[in-house]
PDB file of N, CA and C in Angstrom:
ATOM      1  N   MET A   1      13.599  27.609   5.094  1.00  0.00           N
ATOM      2  CA  MET A   1      12.574  27.095   4.227  1.00  0.00           C
ATOM      3  C   MET A   1      11.280  26.921   5.023  1.00  0.00           C
ATOM      4  N   GLU A   2      10.212  27.442   4.492  1.00  0.00           N
ATOM      5  CA  GLU A   2       8.924  27.386   5.160  1.00  0.00           C
ATOM      6  C   GLU A   2       8.233  26.065   4.863  1.00  0.00           C
ATOM      7  N   LYS A   3       7.662  25.437   5.902  1.00  0.00           N
ATOM      8  CA  LYS A   3       6.927  24.192   5.715  1.00  0.00           C
ATOM      9  C   LYS A   3       5.531  24.489   5.184  1.00  0.00           C
ATOM     10  N   MET A   4       5.099  23.683   4.247  1.00  0.00           N
ATOM     11  CA  MET A   4       3.761  23.835   3.708  1.00  0.00           C
ATOM     12  C   MET A   4       2.875  22.791   4.369  1.00  0.00           C
ATOM     13  N   LYS A   5       1.754  23.217   4.878  1.00  0.00           N
ATOM     14  CA  LYS A   5       0.827  22.312   5.521  1.00  0.00           C
ATOM     15  C   LYS A   5      -0.349  22.064   4.580  1.00  0.00           C
ATOM     16  N   ILE A   6      -0.615  20.801   4.308  1.00  0.00           N
ATOM     17  CA  ILE A   6      -1.732  20.429   3.444  1.00  0.00           C
ATOM     18  C   ILE A   6      -2.831  19.852   4.318  1.00  0.00           C
ATOM     19  N   VAL A   7      -4.010  20.363   4.162  1.00  0.00           N
ATOM     20  CA  VAL A   7      -5.154  19.890   4.927  1.00  0.00           C
ATOM     21  C   VAL A   7      -6.174  19.337   3.951  1.00  0.00           C
ATOM     22  N   TRP A   8      -6.556  18.088   4.160  1.00  0.00           N
ATOM     23  CA  TRP A   8      -7.577  17.461   3.329  1.00  0.00           C
ATOM     24  C   TRP A   8      -8.833  17.298   4.155  1.00  0.00           C
ATOM     25  N   GLU A   9      -9.931  17.594   3.530  1.00  0.00           N
ATOM     26  CA  GLU A   9     -11.212  17.423   4.197  1.00  0.00           C
ATOM     27  C   GLU A   9     -11.651  15.961   4.088  1.00  0.00           C
ATOM     28  N   VAL A  10     -11.969  15.364   5.201  1.00  0.00           N
ATOM     29  CA  VAL A  10     -12.490  13.994   5.230  1.00  0.00           C
ATOM     30  C   VAL A  10     -14.008  14.100   5.326  1.00  0.00           C
ATOM     31  N   PRO A  11     -14.722  13.330   4.509  1.00  0.00           N
ATOM     32  CA  PRO A  11     -16.189  13.394   4.576  1.00  0.00           C
ATOM     33  C   PRO A  11     -16.682  13.201   6.008  1.00  0.00           C
ATOM     34  N   HIS A  12     -17.754  13.857   6.360  1.00  0.00           N
ATOM     35  CA  HIS A  12     -18.250  13.842   7.742  1.00  0.00           C
ATOM     36  C   HIS A  12     -18.590  12.436   8.236  1.00  0.00           C
ATOM     37  N   HIS A  13     -18.892  11.531   7.336  1.00  0.00           N
ATOM     38  CA  HIS A  13     -19.272  10.174   7.723  1.00  0.00           C
ATOM     39  C   HIS A  13     -18.083   9.215   7.749  1.00  0.00           C
ATOM     40  N   ALA A  14     -16.865   9.732   7.544  1.00  0.00           N
ATOM     41  CA  ALA A  14     -15.683   8.873   7.440  1.00  0.00           C
ATOM     42  C   ALA A  14     -14.590   9.327   8.397  1.00  0.00           C
ATOM     43  N   THR A  15     -13.588   8.475   8.531  1.00  0.00           N
ATOM     44  CA  THR A  15     -12.400   8.814   9.303  1.00  0.00           C
ATOM     45  C   THR A  15     -11.198   8.763   8.360  1.00  0.00           C
ATOM     46  N   VAL A  16     -10.088   9.310   8.787  1.00  0.00           N
ATOM     47  CA  VAL A  16      -8.869   9.241   7.986  1.00  0.00           C
ATOM     48  C   VAL A  16      -8.517   7.775   7.725  1.00  0.00           C
ATOM     49  N   GLN A  17      -8.684   6.931   8.744  1.00  0.00           N
ATOM     50  CA  GLN A  17      -8.366   5.516   8.602  1.00  0.00           C
ATOM     51  C   GLN A  17      -9.291   4.834   7.589  1.00  0.00           C
ATOM     52  N   SER A  18     -10.579   5.137   7.619  1.00  0.00           N
ATOM     53  CA  SER A  18     -11.492   4.475   6.682  1.00  0.00           C
ATOM     54  C   SER A  18     -11.236   4.927   5.246  1.00  0.00           C
ATOM     55  N   VAL A  19     -10.900   6.193   5.063  1.00  0.00           N
ATOM     56  CA  VAL A  19     -10.578   6.689   3.719  1.00  0.00           C
ATOM     57  C   VAL A  19      -9.292   6.036   3.214  1.00  0.00           C
ATOM     58  N   THR A  20      -8.282   5.925   4.083  1.00  0.00           N
ATOM     59  CA  THR A  20      -7.023   5.285   3.706  1.00  0.00           C
ATOM     60  C   THR A  20      -7.237   3.814   3.378  1.00  0.00           C
ATOM     61  N   THR A  21      -8.029   3.126   4.182  1.00  0.00           N
ATOM     62  CA  THR A  21      -8.337   1.716   3.935  1.00  0.00           C
ATOM     63  C   THR A  21      -9.034   1.545   2.592  1.00  0.00           C
ATOM     64  N   ASP A  22     -10.033   2.373   2.333  1.00  0.00           N
ATOM     65  CA  ASP A  22     -10.756   2.302   1.051  1.00  0.00           C
ATOM     66  C   ASP A  22      -9.818   2.567  -0.124  1.00  0.00           C
ATOM     67  N   TYR A  23      -8.925   3.523   0.031  1.00  0.00           N
ATOM     68  CA  TYR A  23      -7.983   3.879  -1.025  1.00  0.00           C
ATOM     69  C   TYR A  23      -7.035   2.712  -1.319  1.00  0.00           C
ATOM     70  N   LEU A  24      -6.469   2.126  -0.274  1.00  0.00           N
ATOM     71  CA  LEU A  24      -5.557   0.999  -0.457  1.00  0.00           C
ATOM     72  C   LEU A  24      -6.275  -0.191  -1.091  1.00  0.00           C
ATOM     73  N   ARG A  25      -7.500  -0.458  -0.648  1.00  0.00           N
ATOM     74  CA  ARG A  25      -8.282  -1.563  -1.215  1.00  0.00           C
ATOM     75  C   ARG A  25      -8.546  -1.317  -2.695  1.00  0.00           C
ATOM     76  N   ALA A  26      -8.878  -0.087  -3.061  1.00  0.00           N
ATOM     77  CA  ALA A  26      -9.161   0.242  -4.461  1.00  0.00           C
ATOM     78  C   ALA A  26      -7.916   0.084  -5.340  1.00  0.00           C
ATOM     79  N   ILE A  27      -6.755   0.461  -4.818  1.00  0.00           N
ATOM     80  CA  ILE A  27      -5.518   0.319  -5.587  1.00  0.00           C
ATOM     81  C   ILE A  27      -5.249  -1.154  -5.895  1.00  0.00           C
ATOM     82  N   VAL A  28      -5.338  -2.003  -4.880  1.00  0.00           N
ATOM     83  CA  VAL A  28      -5.056  -3.422  -5.073  1.00  0.00           C
ATOM     84  C   VAL A  28      -6.128  -4.077  -5.947  1.00  0.00           C
ATOM     85  N   ASP A  29      -7.388  -3.715  -5.735  1.00  0.00           N
ATOM     86  CA  ASP A  29      -8.458  -4.269  -6.573  1.00  0.00           C
ATOM     87  C   ASP A  29      -8.218  -3.943  -8.042  1.00  0.00           C
ATOM     88  N   ARG A  30      -7.851  -2.716  -8.314  1.00  0.00           N
ATOM     89  CA  ARG A  30      -7.607  -2.298  -9.698  1.00  0.00           C
ATOM     90  C   ARG A  30      -6.397  -3.031 -10.279  1.00  0.00           C
ATOM     91  N   PHE A  31      -5.322  -3.110  -9.505  1.00  0.00           N
ATOM     92  CA  PHE A  31      -4.119  -3.799  -9.953  1.00  0.00           C
ATOM     93  C   PHE A  31      -4.434  -5.254 -10.289  1.00  0.00           C
ATOM     94  N   GLU A  32      -5.102  -5.946  -9.371  1.00  0.00           N
ATOM     95  CA  GLU A  32      -5.393  -7.355  -9.588  1.00  0.00           C
ATOM     96  C   GLU A  32      -6.384  -7.556 -10.728  1.00  0.00           C
ATOM     97  N   SER A  33      -7.353  -6.681 -10.846  1.00  0.00           N
ATOM     98  CA  SER A  33      -8.314  -6.763 -11.942  1.00  0.00           C
ATOM     99  C   SER A  33      -7.620  -6.619 -13.289  1.00  0.00           C
ATOM    100  N   ASP A  34      -6.756  -5.631 -13.404  1.00  0.00           N
ATOM    101  CA  ASP A  34      -6.018  -5.427 -14.658  1.00  0.00           C
ATOM    102  C   ASP A  34      -5.101  -6.607 -14.960  1.00  0.00           C
ATOM    103  N   LEU A  35      -4.434  -7.112 -13.928  1.00  0.00           N
ATOM    104  CA  LEU A  35      -3.514  -8.229 -14.129  1.00  0.00           C
ATOM    105  C   LEU A  35      -4.268  -9.501 -14.526  1.00  0.00           C
ATOM    106  N   LYS A  36      -5.411  -9.750 -13.904  1.00  0.00           N
ATOM    107  CA  LYS A  36      -6.226 -10.913 -14.274  1.00  0.00           C
ATOM    108  C   LYS A  36      -6.650 -10.824 -15.730  1.00  0.00           C
ATOM    109  N   ARG A  37      -7.050  -9.654 -16.138  1.00  0.00           N
ATOM    110  CA  ARG A  37      -7.489  -9.452 -17.520  1.00  0.00           C
ATOM    111  C   ARG A  37      -6.338  -9.693 -18.497  1.00  0.00           C
ATOM    112  N   GLN A  38      -5.128  -9.304 -18.120  1.00  0.00           N
ATOM    113  CA  GLN A  38      -3.978  -9.438 -19.003  1.00  0.00           C
ATOM    114  C   GLN A  38      -3.372 -10.839 -18.999  1.00  0.00           C
ATOM    115  N   THR A  39      -3.493 -11.567 -17.887  1.00  0.00           N
ATOM    116  CA  THR A  39      -2.818 -12.861 -17.779  1.00  0.00           C
ATOM    117  C   THR A  39      -3.762 -14.056 -17.774  1.00  0.00           C
ATOM    118  N   GLY A  40      -5.036 -13.813 -17.615  1.00  0.00           N
ATOM    119  CA  GLY A  40      -5.988 -14.917 -17.587  1.00  0.00           C
ATOM    120  C   GLY A  40      -5.775 -15.823 -16.389  1.00  0.00           C
ATOM    121  N   GLY A  41      -5.821 -17.124 -16.628  1.00  0.00           N
ATOM    122  CA  GLY A  41      -5.695 -18.115 -15.563  1.00  0.00           C
ATOM    123  C   GLY A  41      -4.348 -18.130 -14.877  1.00  0.00           C
ATOM    124  N   ALA A  42      -3.324 -17.582 -15.520  1.00  0.00           N
ATOM    125  CA  ALA A  42      -1.980 -17.575 -14.918  1.00  0.00           C
ATOM    126  C   ALA A  42      -1.950 -16.760 -13.626  1.00  0.00           C
ATOM    127  N   PHE A  43      -2.898 -15.866 -13.455  1.00  0.00           N
ATOM    128  CA  PHE A  43      -2.937 -15.010 -12.258  1.00  0.00           C
ATOM    129  C   PHE A  43      -2.985 -15.847 -10.982  1.00  0.00           C
ATOM    130  N   LYS A  44      -3.716 -16.953 -11.012  1.00  0.00           N
ATOM    131  CA  LYS A  44      -3.874 -17.794  -9.821  1.00  0.00           C
ATOM    132  C   LYS A  44      -2.549 -18.347  -9.320  1.00  0.00           C
ATOM    133  N   ASN A  45      -1.584 -18.515 -10.206  1.00  0.00           N
ATOM    134  CA  ASN A  45      -0.294 -19.096  -9.835  1.00  0.00           C
ATOM    135  C   ASN A  45       0.770 -18.051  -9.517  1.00  0.00           C
ATOM    136  N   MET A  46       0.409 -16.785  -9.572  1.00  0.00           N
ATOM    137  CA  MET A  46       1.378 -15.721  -9.324  1.00  0.00           C
ATOM    138  C   MET A  46       1.521 -15.434  -7.836  1.00  0.00           C
ATOM    139  N   SER A  47       2.682 -14.990  -7.461  1.00  0.00           N
ATOM    140  CA  SER A  47       2.966 -14.619  -6.087  1.00  0.00           C
ATOM    141  C   SER A  47       3.309 -13.130  -6.055  1.00  0.00           C
ATOM    142  N   PHE A  48       2.849 -12.440  -5.029  1.00  0.00           N
ATOM    143  CA  PHE A  48       3.053 -11.005  -4.939  1.00  0.00           C
ATOM    144  C   PHE A  48       3.624 -10.613  -3.594  1.00  0.00           C
ATOM    145  N   THR A  49       4.378  -9.538  -3.605  1.00  0.00           N
ATOM    146  CA  THR A  49       4.789  -8.864  -2.386  1.00  0.00           C
ATOM    147  C   THR A  49       4.384  -7.408  -2.547  1.00  0.00           C
ATOM    148  N   TYR A  50       3.494  -6.949  -1.706  1.00  0.00           N
ATOM    149  CA  TYR A  50       3.076  -5.551  -1.732  1.00  0.00           C
ATOM    150  C   TYR A  50       3.964  -4.781  -0.772  1.00  0.00           C
ATOM    151  N   ILE A  51       4.519  -3.696  -1.236  1.00  0.00           N
ATOM    152  CA  ILE A  51       5.376  -2.860  -0.404  1.00  0.00           C
ATOM    153  C   ILE A  51       4.761  -1.474  -0.317  1.00  0.00           C
ATOM    154  N   ILE A  52       4.488  -1.068   0.886  1.00  0.00           N
ATOM    155  CA  ILE A  52       3.924   0.248   1.143  1.00  0.00           C
ATOM    156  C   ILE A  52       5.063   1.130   1.626  1.00  0.00           C
ATOM    157  N   THR A  53       5.256   2.245   0.968  1.00  0.00           N
ATOM    158  CA  THR A  53       6.319   3.151   1.389  1.00  0.00           C
ATOM    159  C   THR A  53       5.730   4.306   2.177  1.00  0.00           C
ATOM    160  N   ALA A  54       6.534   4.832   3.056  1.00  0.00           N
ATOM    161  CA  ALA A  54       6.128   5.974   3.863  1.00  0.00           C
ATOM    162  C   ALA A  54       7.307   6.928   3.961  1.00  0.00           C
ATOM    163  N   PRO A  55       7.030   8.212   3.976  1.00  0.00           N
ATOM    164  CA  PRO A  55       8.128   9.174   4.156  1.00  0.00           C
ATOM    165  C   PRO A  55       8.872   8.898   5.457  1.00  0.00           C
ATOM    166  N   ALA A  56      10.168   9.055   5.418  1.00  0.00           N
ATOM    167  CA  ALA A  56      10.995   8.794   6.593  1.00  0.00           C
ATOM    168  C   ALA A  56      10.613   9.693   7.774  1.00  0.00           C
ATOM    169  N   ILE A  57      10.020  10.835   7.494  1.00  0.00           N
ATOM    170  CA  ILE A  57       9.670  11.765   8.576  1.00  0.00           C
ATOM    171  C   ILE A  57       8.369  11.389   9.286  1.00  0.00           C
ATOM    172  N   TRP A  58       7.638  10.417   8.756  1.00  0.00           N
ATOM    173  CA  TRP A  58       6.405   9.998   9.426  1.00  0.00           C
ATOM    174  C   TRP A  58       6.732   9.391  10.780  1.00  0.00           C
ATOM    175  N   SER A  59       5.853   9.600  11.720  1.00  0.00           N
ATOM    176  CA  SER A  59       6.019   9.008  13.046  1.00  0.00           C
ATOM    177  C   SER A  59       5.760   7.505  12.969  1.00  0.00           C
ATOM    178  N   ASP A  60       6.250   6.776  13.964  1.00  0.00           N
ATOM    179  CA  ASP A  60       5.986   5.338  14.021  1.00  0.00           C
ATOM    180  C   ASP A  60       4.488   5.074  14.118  1.00  0.00           C
ATOM    181  N   LYS A  61       3.771   5.956  14.802  1.00  0.00           N
ATOM    182  CA  LYS A  61       2.318   5.802  14.933  1.00  0.00           C
ATOM    183  C   LYS A  61       1.650   5.906  13.558  1.00  0.00           C
ATOM    184  N   ALA A  62       2.068   6.864  12.743  1.00  0.00           N
ATOM    185  CA  ALA A  62       1.479   7.027  11.405  1.00  0.00           C
ATOM    186  C   ALA A  62       1.787   5.821  10.532  1.00  0.00           C
ATOM    187  N   LYS A  63       2.997   5.292  10.621  1.00  0.00           N
ATOM    188  CA  LYS A  63       3.365   4.110   9.843  1.00  0.00           C
ATOM    189  C   LYS A  63       2.546   2.903  10.281  1.00  0.00           C
ATOM    190  N   LEU A  64       2.375   2.742  11.586  1.00  0.00           N
ATOM    191  CA  LEU A  64       1.582   1.635  12.114  1.00  0.00           C
ATOM    192  C   LEU A  64       0.120   1.756  11.680  1.00  0.00           C
ATOM    193  N   GLU A  65      -0.416   2.957  11.733  1.00  0.00           N
ATOM    194  CA  GLU A  65      -1.805   3.174  11.281  1.00  0.00           C
ATOM    195  C   GLU A  65      -1.960   2.808   9.810  1.00  0.00           C
ATOM    196  N   THR A  66      -0.962   3.136   9.002  1.00  0.00           N
ATOM    197  CA  THR A  66      -1.019   2.800   7.580  1.00  0.00           C
ATOM    198  C   THR A  66      -1.006   1.286   7.398  1.00  0.00           C
ATOM    199  N   LEU A  67      -0.161   0.583   8.141  1.00  0.00           N
ATOM    200  CA  LEU A  67      -0.150  -0.881   8.069  1.00  0.00           C
ATOM    201  C   LEU A  67      -1.476  -1.470   8.549  1.00  0.00           C
ATOM    202  N   ASN A  68      -2.052  -0.886   9.590  1.00  0.00           N
ATOM    203  CA  ASN A  68      -3.360  -1.342  10.063  1.00  0.00           C
ATOM    204  C   ASN A  68      -4.416  -1.164   8.975  1.00  0.00           C
ATOM    205  N   CYS A  69      -4.355  -0.057   8.268  1.00  0.00           N
ATOM    206  CA  CYS A  69      -5.296   0.181   7.165  1.00  0.00           C
ATOM    207  C   CYS A  69      -5.086  -0.850   6.056  1.00  0.00           C
ATOM    208  N   ALA A  70      -3.833  -1.200   5.794  1.00  0.00           N
ATOM    209  CA  ALA A  70      -3.538  -2.220   4.776  1.00  0.00           C
ATOM    210  C   ALA A  70      -4.133  -3.562   5.184  1.00  0.00           C
ATOM    211  N   GLU A  71      -4.025  -3.902   6.451  1.00  0.00           N
ATOM    212  CA  GLU A  71      -4.622  -5.153   6.930  1.00  0.00           C
ATOM    213  C   GLU A  71      -6.140  -5.118   6.765  1.00  0.00           C
ATOM    214  N   LYS A  72      -6.755  -4.004   7.144  1.00  0.00           N
ATOM    215  CA  LYS A  72      -8.208  -3.869   6.996  1.00  0.00           C
ATOM    216  C   LYS A  72      -8.628  -3.894   5.530  1.00  0.00           C
ATOM    217  N   ALA A  73      -7.738  -3.437   4.656  1.00  0.00           N
ATOM    218  CA  ALA A  73      -8.032  -3.438   3.221  1.00  0.00           C
ATOM    219  C   ALA A  73      -7.892  -4.836   2.631  1.00  0.00           C
ATOM    220  N   GLY A  74      -7.399  -5.790   3.430  1.00  0.00           N
ATOM    221  CA  GLY A  74      -7.311  -7.165   2.986  1.00  0.00           C
ATOM    222  C   GLY A  74      -5.971  -7.570   2.424  1.00  0.00           C
ATOM    223  N   PHE A  75      -4.934  -6.798   2.660  1.00  0.00           N
ATOM    224  CA  PHE A  75      -3.622  -7.132   2.109  1.00  0.00           C
ATOM    225  C   PHE A  75      -3.149  -8.504   2.583  1.00  0.00           C
ATOM    226  N   GLU A  76      -3.406  -8.856   3.839  1.00  0.00           N
ATOM    227  CA  GLU A  76      -2.872 -10.116   4.348  1.00  0.00           C
ATOM    228  C   GLU A  76      -3.721 -11.317   3.973  1.00  0.00           C
ATOM    229  N   SER A  77      -4.950 -11.116   3.543  1.00  0.00           N
ATOM    230  CA  SER A  77      -5.828 -12.249   3.292  1.00  0.00           C
ATOM    231  C   SER A  77      -6.184 -12.447   1.824  1.00  0.00           C
ATOM    232  N   ARG A  78      -5.622 -11.659   0.937  1.00  0.00           N
ATOM    233  CA  ARG A  78      -6.042 -11.726  -0.471  1.00  0.00           C
ATOM    234  C   ARG A  78      -5.721 -13.077  -1.090  1.00  0.00           C
ATOM    235  N   VAL A  79      -4.513 -13.538  -0.949  1.00  0.00           N
ATOM    236  CA  VAL A  79      -4.093 -14.867  -1.402  1.00  0.00           C
ATOM    237  C   VAL A  79      -2.948 -15.281  -0.493  1.00  0.00           C
ATOM    238  N   ALA A  80      -2.883 -16.549  -0.133  1.00  0.00           N
ATOM    239  CA  ALA A  80      -1.900 -17.019   0.850  1.00  0.00           C
ATOM    240  C   ALA A  80      -0.462 -16.709   0.446  1.00  0.00           C
ATOM    241  N   ARG A  81      -0.157 -16.687  -0.847  1.00  0.00           N
ATOM    242  CA  ARG A  81       1.226 -16.474  -1.272  1.00  0.00           C
ATOM    243  C   ARG A  81       1.586 -14.998  -1.390  1.00  0.00           C
ATOM    244  N   LYS A  82       0.692 -14.117  -1.043  1.00  0.00           N
ATOM    245  CA  LYS A  82       0.979 -12.694  -1.140  1.00  0.00           C
ATOM    246  C   LYS A  82       1.443 -12.169   0.213  1.00  0.00           C
ATOM    247  N   HIS A  83       2.329 -11.227   0.172  1.00  0.00           N
ATOM    248  CA  HIS A  83       2.886 -10.645   1.390  1.00  0.00           C
ATOM    249  C   HIS A  83       2.811  -9.124   1.280  1.00  0.00           C
ATOM    250  N   TYR A  84       2.915  -8.469   2.394  1.00  0.00           N
ATOM    251  CA  TYR A  84       2.969  -7.023   2.381  1.00  0.00           C
ATOM    252  C   TYR A  84       3.875  -6.559   3.505  1.00  0.00           C
ATOM    253  N   GLY A  85       4.364  -5.350   3.365  1.00  0.00           N
ATOM    254  CA  GLY A  85       5.210  -4.777   4.389  1.00  0.00           C
ATOM    255  C   GLY A  85       5.414  -3.306   4.104  1.00  0.00           C
ATOM    256  N   MET A  86       6.073  -2.650   5.005  1.00  0.00           N
ATOM    257  CA  MET A  86       6.312  -1.224   4.826  1.00  0.00           C
ATOM    258  C   MET A  86       7.797  -0.951   4.805  1.00  0.00           C
ATOM    259  N   VAL A  87       8.209  -0.205   3.809  1.00  0.00           N
ATOM    260  CA  VAL A  87       9.582   0.277   3.740  1.00  0.00           C
ATOM    261  C   VAL A  87       9.586   1.649   4.374  1.00  0.00           C
ATOM    262  N   LYS A  88      10.421   1.841   5.369  1.00  0.00           N
ATOM    263  CA  LYS A  88      10.385   3.073   6.149  1.00  0.00           C
ATOM    264  C   LYS A  88      11.246   4.194   5.597  1.00  0.00           C
ATOM    265  N   ASN A  89      12.053   3.889   4.620  1.00  0.00           N
ATOM    266  CA  ASN A  89      12.951   4.906   4.109  1.00  0.00           C
ATOM    267  C   ASN A  89      12.889   4.906   2.587  1.00  0.00           C
ATOM    268  N   VAL A  90      12.563   6.037   2.024  1.00  0.00           N
ATOM    269  CA  VAL A  90      12.382   6.122   0.581  1.00  0.00           C
ATOM    270  C   VAL A  90      13.661   5.772  -0.163  1.00  0.00           C
ATOM    271  N   LYS A  91      14.827   6.171   0.364  1.00  0.00           N
ATOM    272  CA  LYS A  91      16.090   5.846  -0.291  1.00  0.00           C
ATOM    273  C   LYS A  91      16.278   4.329  -0.326  1.00  0.00           C
ATOM    274  N   PHE A  92      15.968   3.661   0.768  1.00  0.00           N
ATOM    275  CA  PHE A  92      16.063   2.206   0.804  1.00  0.00           C
ATOM    276  C   PHE A  92      15.091   1.597  -0.203  1.00  0.00           C
ATOM    277  N   ASN A  93      13.901   2.149  -0.284  1.00  0.00           N
ATOM    278  CA  ASN A  93      12.909   1.637  -1.222  1.00  0.00           C
ATOM    279  C   ASN A  93      13.439   1.687  -2.646  1.00  0.00           C
ATOM    280  N   ALA A  94      14.057   2.781  -3.022  1.00  0.00           N
ATOM    281  CA  ALA A  94      14.596   2.907  -4.377  1.00  0.00           C
ATOM    282  C   ALA A  94      15.690   1.876  -4.598  1.00  0.00           C
ATOM    283  N   GLN A  95      16.525   1.658  -3.605  1.00  0.00           N
ATOM    284  CA  GLN A  95      17.590   0.663  -3.730  1.00  0.00           C
ATOM    285  C   GLN A  95      17.009  -0.744  -3.812  1.00  0.00           C
ATOM    286  N   PHE A  96      15.976  -1.024  -2.998  1.00  0.00           N
ATOM    287  CA  PHE A  96      15.329  -2.333  -3.004  1.00  0.00           C
ATOM    288  C   PHE A  96      14.717  -2.605  -4.367  1.00  0.00           C
ATOM    289  N   HIS A  97      13.996  -1.648  -4.884  1.00  0.00           N
ATOM    290  CA  HIS A  97      13.322  -1.806  -6.171  1.00  0.00           C
ATOM    291  C   HIS A  97      14.350  -1.990  -7.283  1.00  0.00           C
ATOM    292  N   ASP A  98      15.411  -1.217  -7.240  1.00  0.00           N
ATOM    293  CA  ASP A  98      16.448  -1.303  -8.257  1.00  0.00           C
ATOM    294  C   ASP A  98      17.117  -2.674  -8.234  1.00  0.00           C
ATOM    295  N   SER A  99      17.436  -3.183  -7.052  1.00  0.00           N
ATOM    296  CA  SER A  99      18.094  -4.489  -6.964  1.00  0.00           C
ATOM    297  C   SER A  99      17.141  -5.605  -7.336  1.00  0.00           C
ATOM    298  N   ASP A 100      15.847  -5.413  -7.102  1.00  0.00           N
ATOM    299  CA  ASP A 100      14.842  -6.417  -7.448  1.00  0.00           C
ATOM    300  C   ASP A 100      14.705  -6.566  -8.958  1.00  0.00           C
ATOM    301  N   LEU A 101      14.981  -5.505  -9.695  1.00  0.00           N
ATOM    302  CA  LEU A 101      14.839  -5.526 -11.148  1.00  0.00           C
ATOM    303  C   LEU A 101      16.020  -6.177 -11.842  1.00  0.00           C
ATOM    304  N   LYS A 102      17.145  -6.255 -11.152  1.00  0.00           N
ATOM    305  CA  LYS A 102      18.365  -6.792 -11.782  1.00  0.00           C
ATOM    306  C   LYS A 102      18.398  -8.308 -11.755  1.00  0.00           C
TER     307      LYS A 102
END
């Protein structure tokens, strides 16, 4: 089986890390904005755990860089009761999510 290589162009004024940080920040901003609109004042009392998944084939360096981008995006400082972490194995992630729903 032949491996497919995907190359994305990063704007000349940006780095892969800054684009990833901006992307993660935008995802959480949108999620929280939508949730605030739907729940009103109840949002302040909610607790969250953000889980970032990464393909198992990613290097430890790539996973660490992704977590660093999450920190820069404000994952750890958004609200004191919110947590974040990275699941390193997609199969585990599916099992975690499934057990969390039960």
